[in-house]
Amino acid sequence: MDEKESLSHSKWECKYHVAFIPKCRRRTLYKELRSHLGEVFRRLASQKESRILEGHLMPDHVHMLISIPPKYAVSQVIIYTPKALSTMCIEILN
């Protein structure tokens, strides 16, 4: 927990608790995709140089503890996630 990340000029530890709630809270979606969602969220976070430290898939929403580098605004990572998630879910279902 005390391990800090570093950039060329600073050390940082930025962790955020995020609750992700899809439109209409489609429970059936998570039944079909539950086994894939953990890996999908990790892949999406790594594209923005972030890490998911902890996550919980609930029947109709997701809780994540995510570490985001200070060079990205939290909103950049959070807004990117649902958009890319829907695209990846469609690929998995097809």
N, C-alpha and C. Protein backbone atom coordinates (compact mmCIF):
# COMPACT_ATOMS: atom_id res chain seq x y z
N MET A 1 0.81 -1.18 0.00
CA MET A 1 0.00 0.00 0.00
C MET A 1 0.87 1.27 0.00
N ASP A 2 2.09 1.16 0.53
CA ASP A 2 2.97 2.31 0.58
C ASP A 2 3.81 2.47 -0.67
N GLU A 3 3.67 1.56 -1.63
CA GLU A 3 4.49 1.69 -2.83
C GLU A 3 3.95 2.82 -3.70
N LYS A 4 4.83 3.72 -4.05
CA LYS A 4 4.47 4.88 -4.86
C LYS A 4 5.04 4.70 -6.26
N GLU A 5 4.30 5.16 -7.23
CA GLU A 5 4.76 5.14 -8.61
C GLU A 5 5.64 6.37 -8.81
N SER A 6 6.39 6.39 -9.91
CA SER A 6 7.21 7.58 -10.14
C SER A 6 7.23 7.94 -11.63
N LEU A 7 7.30 9.22 -11.85
CA LEU A 7 7.54 9.78 -13.17
C LEU A 7 8.96 10.33 -13.13
N SER A 8 9.40 10.97 -14.18
CA SER A 8 10.79 11.45 -14.22
C SER A 8 11.09 12.49 -13.15
N HIS A 9 10.09 13.22 -12.70
CA HIS A 9 10.34 14.31 -11.76
C HIS A 9 9.56 14.21 -10.45
N SER A 10 8.78 13.15 -10.26
CA SER A 10 7.96 13.09 -9.06
C SER A 10 7.58 11.66 -8.70
N LYS A 11 7.15 11.49 -7.46
CA LYS A 11 6.57 10.23 -7.00
C LYS A 11 5.10 10.50 -6.73
N TRP A 12 4.25 9.51 -7.01
CA TRP A 12 2.83 9.73 -6.85
C TRP A 12 2.11 8.48 -6.40
N GLU A 13 0.96 8.69 -5.80
CA GLU A 13 0.06 7.61 -5.40
C GLU A 13 -1.36 8.17 -5.48
N CYS A 14 -1.99 7.99 -6.62
CA CYS A 14 -3.34 8.52 -6.86
C CYS A 14 -4.28 7.34 -7.06
N LYS A 15 -5.15 7.12 -6.09
CA LYS A 15 -6.11 6.02 -6.17
C LYS A 15 -7.51 6.58 -6.06
N TYR A 16 -8.41 6.04 -6.87
CA TYR A 16 -9.78 6.55 -6.91
C TYR A 16 -10.75 5.39 -6.83
N HIS A 17 -11.83 5.58 -6.06
CA HIS A 17 -12.90 4.60 -6.01
C HIS A 17 -13.95 5.04 -7.02
N VAL A 18 -14.29 4.16 -7.94
CA VAL A 18 -15.22 4.50 -9.02
C VAL A 18 -16.35 3.47 -9.02
N ALA A 19 -17.58 3.96 -9.13
CA ALA A 19 -18.74 3.08 -9.32
C ALA A 19 -19.24 3.29 -10.74
N PHE A 20 -19.28 2.23 -11.50
CA PHE A 20 -19.69 2.26 -12.90
C PHE A 20 -21.08 1.62 -12.99
N ILE A 21 -22.08 2.40 -13.42
CA ILE A 21 -23.46 1.91 -13.49
C ILE A 21 -23.93 2.05 -14.93
N PRO A 22 -24.15 0.93 -15.64
CA PRO A 22 -24.61 1.03 -17.03
C PRO A 22 -26.06 1.49 -17.11
N LYS A 23 -26.42 2.04 -18.26
CA LYS A 23 -27.80 2.45 -18.47
C LYS A 23 -28.73 1.25 -18.29
N CYS A 24 -29.86 1.50 -17.73
CA CYS A 24 -30.91 0.49 -17.53
C CYS A 24 -30.49 -0.65 -16.60
N ARG A 25 -29.27 -0.60 -16.08
CA ARG A 25 -28.78 -1.63 -15.15
C ARG A 25 -29.14 -3.04 -15.62
N ARG A 26 -28.65 -3.40 -16.76
CA ARG A 26 -29.00 -4.69 -17.38
C ARG A 26 -28.30 -5.85 -16.68
N ARG A 27 -29.04 -6.55 -15.86
CA ARG A 27 -28.47 -7.68 -15.12
C ARG A 27 -28.11 -8.84 -16.05
N THR A 28 -28.87 -9.03 -17.10
CA THR A 28 -28.59 -10.13 -18.02
C THR A 28 -27.24 -9.96 -18.69
N LEU A 29 -26.84 -8.73 -18.92
CA LEU A 29 -25.56 -8.46 -19.55
C LEU A 29 -24.43 -9.03 -18.71
N TYR A 30 -24.50 -8.82 -17.40
CA TYR A 30 -23.43 -9.30 -16.54
C TYR A 30 -23.45 -10.82 -16.39
N LYS A 31 -24.60 -11.43 -16.51
CA LYS A 31 -24.64 -12.89 -16.44
C LYS A 31 -23.85 -13.51 -17.59
N GLU A 32 -24.02 -12.93 -18.78
CA GLU A 32 -23.35 -13.46 -19.96
C GLU A 32 -21.87 -13.10 -20.02
N LEU A 33 -21.52 -11.92 -19.52
CA LEU A 33 -20.17 -11.40 -19.69
C LEU A 33 -19.32 -11.42 -18.42
N ARG A 34 -19.87 -11.84 -17.32
CA ARG A 34 -19.19 -11.73 -16.03
C ARG A 34 -17.77 -12.31 -16.04
N SER A 35 -17.59 -13.44 -16.67
CA SER A 35 -16.27 -14.08 -16.68
C SER A 35 -15.25 -13.28 -17.50
N HIS A 36 -15.71 -12.45 -18.41
CA HIS A 36 -14.81 -11.67 -19.28
C HIS A 36 -14.54 -10.26 -18.77
N LEU A 37 -15.42 -9.71 -17.95
CA LEU A 37 -15.35 -8.28 -17.60
C LEU A 37 -14.09 -7.89 -16.84
N GLY A 38 -13.60 -8.72 -15.95
CA GLY A 38 -12.39 -8.38 -15.21
C GLY A 38 -11.21 -8.12 -16.13
N GLU A 39 -11.00 -9.01 -17.08
CA GLU A 39 -9.90 -8.85 -18.03
C GLU A 39 -10.13 -7.64 -18.94
N VAL A 40 -11.37 -7.42 -19.34
CA VAL A 40 -11.68 -6.28 -20.20
C VAL A 40 -11.38 -4.97 -19.49
N PHE A 41 -11.80 -4.84 -18.22
CA PHE A 41 -11.51 -3.62 -17.46
C PHE A 41 -10.01 -3.42 -17.28
N ARG A 42 -9.26 -4.49 -17.03
CA ARG A 42 -7.80 -4.37 -16.88
C ARG A 42 -7.15 -3.90 -18.18
N ARG A 43 -7.60 -4.44 -19.31
CA ARG A 43 -7.06 -4.03 -20.60
C ARG A 43 -7.35 -2.56 -20.90
N LEU A 44 -8.57 -2.14 -20.60
CA LEU A 44 -8.94 -0.74 -20.83
C LEU A 44 -8.12 0.20 -19.96
N ALA A 45 -7.91 -0.17 -18.70
CA ALA A 45 -7.12 0.67 -17.80
C ALA A 45 -5.68 0.77 -18.28
N SER A 46 -5.12 -0.33 -18.75
CA SER A 46 -3.73 -0.30 -19.19
C SER A 46 -3.54 0.58 -20.43
N GLN A 47 -4.58 0.75 -21.23
CA GLN A 47 -4.48 1.63 -22.40
C GLN A 47 -4.31 3.09 -21.98
N LYS A 48 -4.75 3.44 -20.78
CA LYS A 48 -4.56 4.79 -20.24
C LYS A 48 -3.50 4.79 -19.14
N GLU A 49 -2.60 3.80 -19.17
CA GLU A 49 -1.50 3.67 -18.22
C GLU A 49 -1.98 3.63 -16.77
N SER A 50 -3.16 3.09 -16.55
CA SER A 50 -3.75 2.98 -15.22
C SER A 50 -3.77 1.52 -14.81
N ARG A 51 -4.03 1.28 -13.52
CA ARG A 51 -4.13 -0.09 -13.01
C ARG A 51 -5.38 -0.22 -12.15
N ILE A 52 -6.07 -1.32 -12.30
CA ILE A 52 -7.19 -1.61 -11.41
C ILE A 52 -6.63 -2.41 -10.25
N LEU A 53 -6.69 -1.83 -9.07
CA LEU A 53 -6.13 -2.46 -7.88
C LEU A 53 -7.12 -3.42 -7.24
N GLU A 54 -8.40 -3.09 -7.34
CA GLU A 54 -9.43 -3.91 -6.73
C GLU A 54 -10.72 -3.67 -7.48
N GLY A 55 -11.55 -4.68 -7.60
CA GLY A 55 -12.82 -4.51 -8.29
C GLY A 55 -13.85 -5.49 -7.80
N HIS A 56 -15.10 -5.07 -7.83
CA HIS A 56 -16.21 -5.93 -7.44
C HIS A 56 -17.32 -5.80 -8.46
N LEU A 57 -17.71 -6.92 -9.05
CA LEU A 57 -18.83 -6.94 -9.99
C LEU A 57 -20.09 -7.26 -9.21
N MET A 58 -21.00 -6.31 -9.15
CA MET A 58 -22.29 -6.51 -8.51
C MET A 58 -23.28 -6.88 -9.62
N PRO A 59 -24.48 -7.32 -9.27
CA PRO A 59 -25.43 -7.72 -10.32
C PRO A 59 -25.75 -6.60 -11.32
N ASP A 60 -25.75 -5.34 -10.86
CA ASP A 60 -26.14 -4.27 -11.77
C ASP A 60 -25.16 -3.10 -11.82
N HIS A 61 -24.00 -3.22 -11.20
CA HIS A 61 -22.99 -2.16 -11.27
C HIS A 61 -21.62 -2.72 -10.90
N VAL A 62 -20.60 -1.89 -11.06
CA VAL A 62 -19.22 -2.30 -10.81
C VAL A 62 -18.55 -1.28 -9.89
N HIS A 63 -17.81 -1.76 -8.90
CA HIS A 63 -16.97 -0.91 -8.05
C HIS A 63 -15.52 -1.20 -8.40
N MET A 64 -14.72 -0.15 -8.57
CA MET A 64 -13.30 -0.33 -8.88
C MET A 64 -12.46 0.63 -8.04
N LEU A 65 -11.30 0.16 -7.61
CA LEU A 65 -10.27 1.02 -7.06
C LEU A 65 -9.21 1.09 -8.12
N ILE A 66 -9.02 2.26 -8.69
CA ILE A 66 -8.15 2.40 -9.85
C ILE A 66 -7.05 3.42 -9.57
N SER A 67 -5.85 3.07 -9.98
CA SER A 67 -4.69 3.95 -9.83
C SER A 67 -4.45 4.63 -11.17
N ILE A 68 -4.56 5.97 -11.18
CA ILE A 68 -4.45 6.75 -12.41
C ILE A 68 -3.26 7.69 -12.28
N PRO A 69 -2.33 7.69 -13.25
CA PRO A 69 -1.19 8.61 -13.17
C PRO A 69 -1.65 10.07 -13.24
N PRO A 70 -0.91 10.97 -12.60
CA PRO A 70 -1.32 12.37 -12.58
C PRO A 70 -1.31 13.06 -13.94
N LYS A 71 -0.68 12.46 -14.93
CA LYS A 71 -0.68 13.10 -16.26
C LYS A 71 -2.02 12.95 -16.96
N TYR A 72 -2.90 12.09 -16.44
CA TYR A 72 -4.25 11.95 -16.98
C TYR A 72 -5.25 12.52 -15.99
N ALA A 73 -6.22 13.26 -16.49
CA ALA A 73 -7.33 13.68 -15.65
C ALA A 73 -8.18 12.45 -15.36
N VAL A 74 -8.74 12.38 -14.17
CA VAL A 74 -9.58 11.24 -13.81
C VAL A 74 -10.73 11.12 -14.81
N SER A 75 -11.29 12.24 -15.21
CA SER A 75 -12.41 12.21 -16.15
C SER A 75 -12.02 11.60 -17.50
N GLN A 76 -10.78 11.78 -17.94
CA GLN A 76 -10.34 11.19 -19.21
C GLN A 76 -10.42 9.67 -19.16
N VAL A 77 -9.99 9.09 -18.06
CA VAL A 77 -9.98 7.64 -17.92
C VAL A 77 -11.40 7.12 -17.71
N ILE A 78 -12.17 7.79 -16.87
CA ILE A 78 -13.51 7.31 -16.54
C ILE A 78 -14.46 7.44 -17.72
N ILE A 79 -14.39 8.51 -18.47
CA ILE A 79 -15.26 8.67 -19.64
C ILE A 79 -14.88 7.68 -20.73
N TYR A 80 -13.61 7.39 -20.87
CA TYR A 80 -13.13 6.45 -21.89
C TYR A 80 -13.63 5.02 -21.62
N THR A 81 -13.71 4.63 -20.36
CA THR A 81 -14.01 3.24 -20.00
C THR A 81 -15.36 2.74 -20.50
N PRO A 82 -16.50 3.42 -20.22
CA PRO A 82 -17.78 2.88 -20.70
C PRO A 82 -17.88 2.82 -22.22
N LYS A 83 -17.32 3.81 -22.90
CA LYS A 83 -17.39 3.82 -24.36
C LYS A 83 -16.64 2.62 -24.94
N ALA A 84 -15.44 2.39 -24.45
CA ALA A 84 -14.65 1.26 -24.95
C ALA A 84 -15.22 -0.07 -24.47
N LEU A 85 -15.79 -0.08 -23.26
CA LEU A 85 -16.37 -1.31 -22.72
C LEU A 85 -17.52 -1.80 -23.60
N SER A 86 -18.39 -0.90 -24.02
CA SER A 86 -19.51 -1.33 -24.85
C SER A 86 -19.02 -1.93 -26.17
N THR A 87 -17.99 -1.36 -26.75
CA THR A 87 -17.43 -1.89 -27.99
C THR A 87 -16.85 -3.29 -27.78
N MET A 88 -16.11 -3.47 -26.69
CA MET A 88 -15.50 -4.78 -26.40
C MET A 88 -16.55 -5.82 -26.07
N CYS A 89 -17.62 -5.44 -25.38
CA CYS A 89 -18.68 -6.38 -25.05
C CYS A 89 -19.39 -6.89 -26.30
N ILE A 90 -19.59 -6.00 -27.25
CA ILE A 90 -20.22 -6.41 -28.51
C ILE A 90 -19.33 -7.42 -29.23
N GLU A 91 -18.00 -7.20 -29.22
CA GLU A 91 -17.07 -8.13 -29.85
C GLU A 91 -17.11 -9.49 -29.15
N ILE A 92 -17.20 -9.50 -27.83
CA ILE A 92 -17.23 -10.77 -27.08
C ILE A 92 -18.50 -11.53 -27.39
N LEU A 93 -19.64 -10.84 -27.45
CA LEU A 93 -20.92 -11.51 -27.68
C LEU A 93 -21.06 -12.06 -29.10
N ASN A 94 -20.35 -11.46 -30.05
CA ASN A 94 -20.46 -11.93 -31.43
C ASN A 94 -19.48 -12.99 -31.76
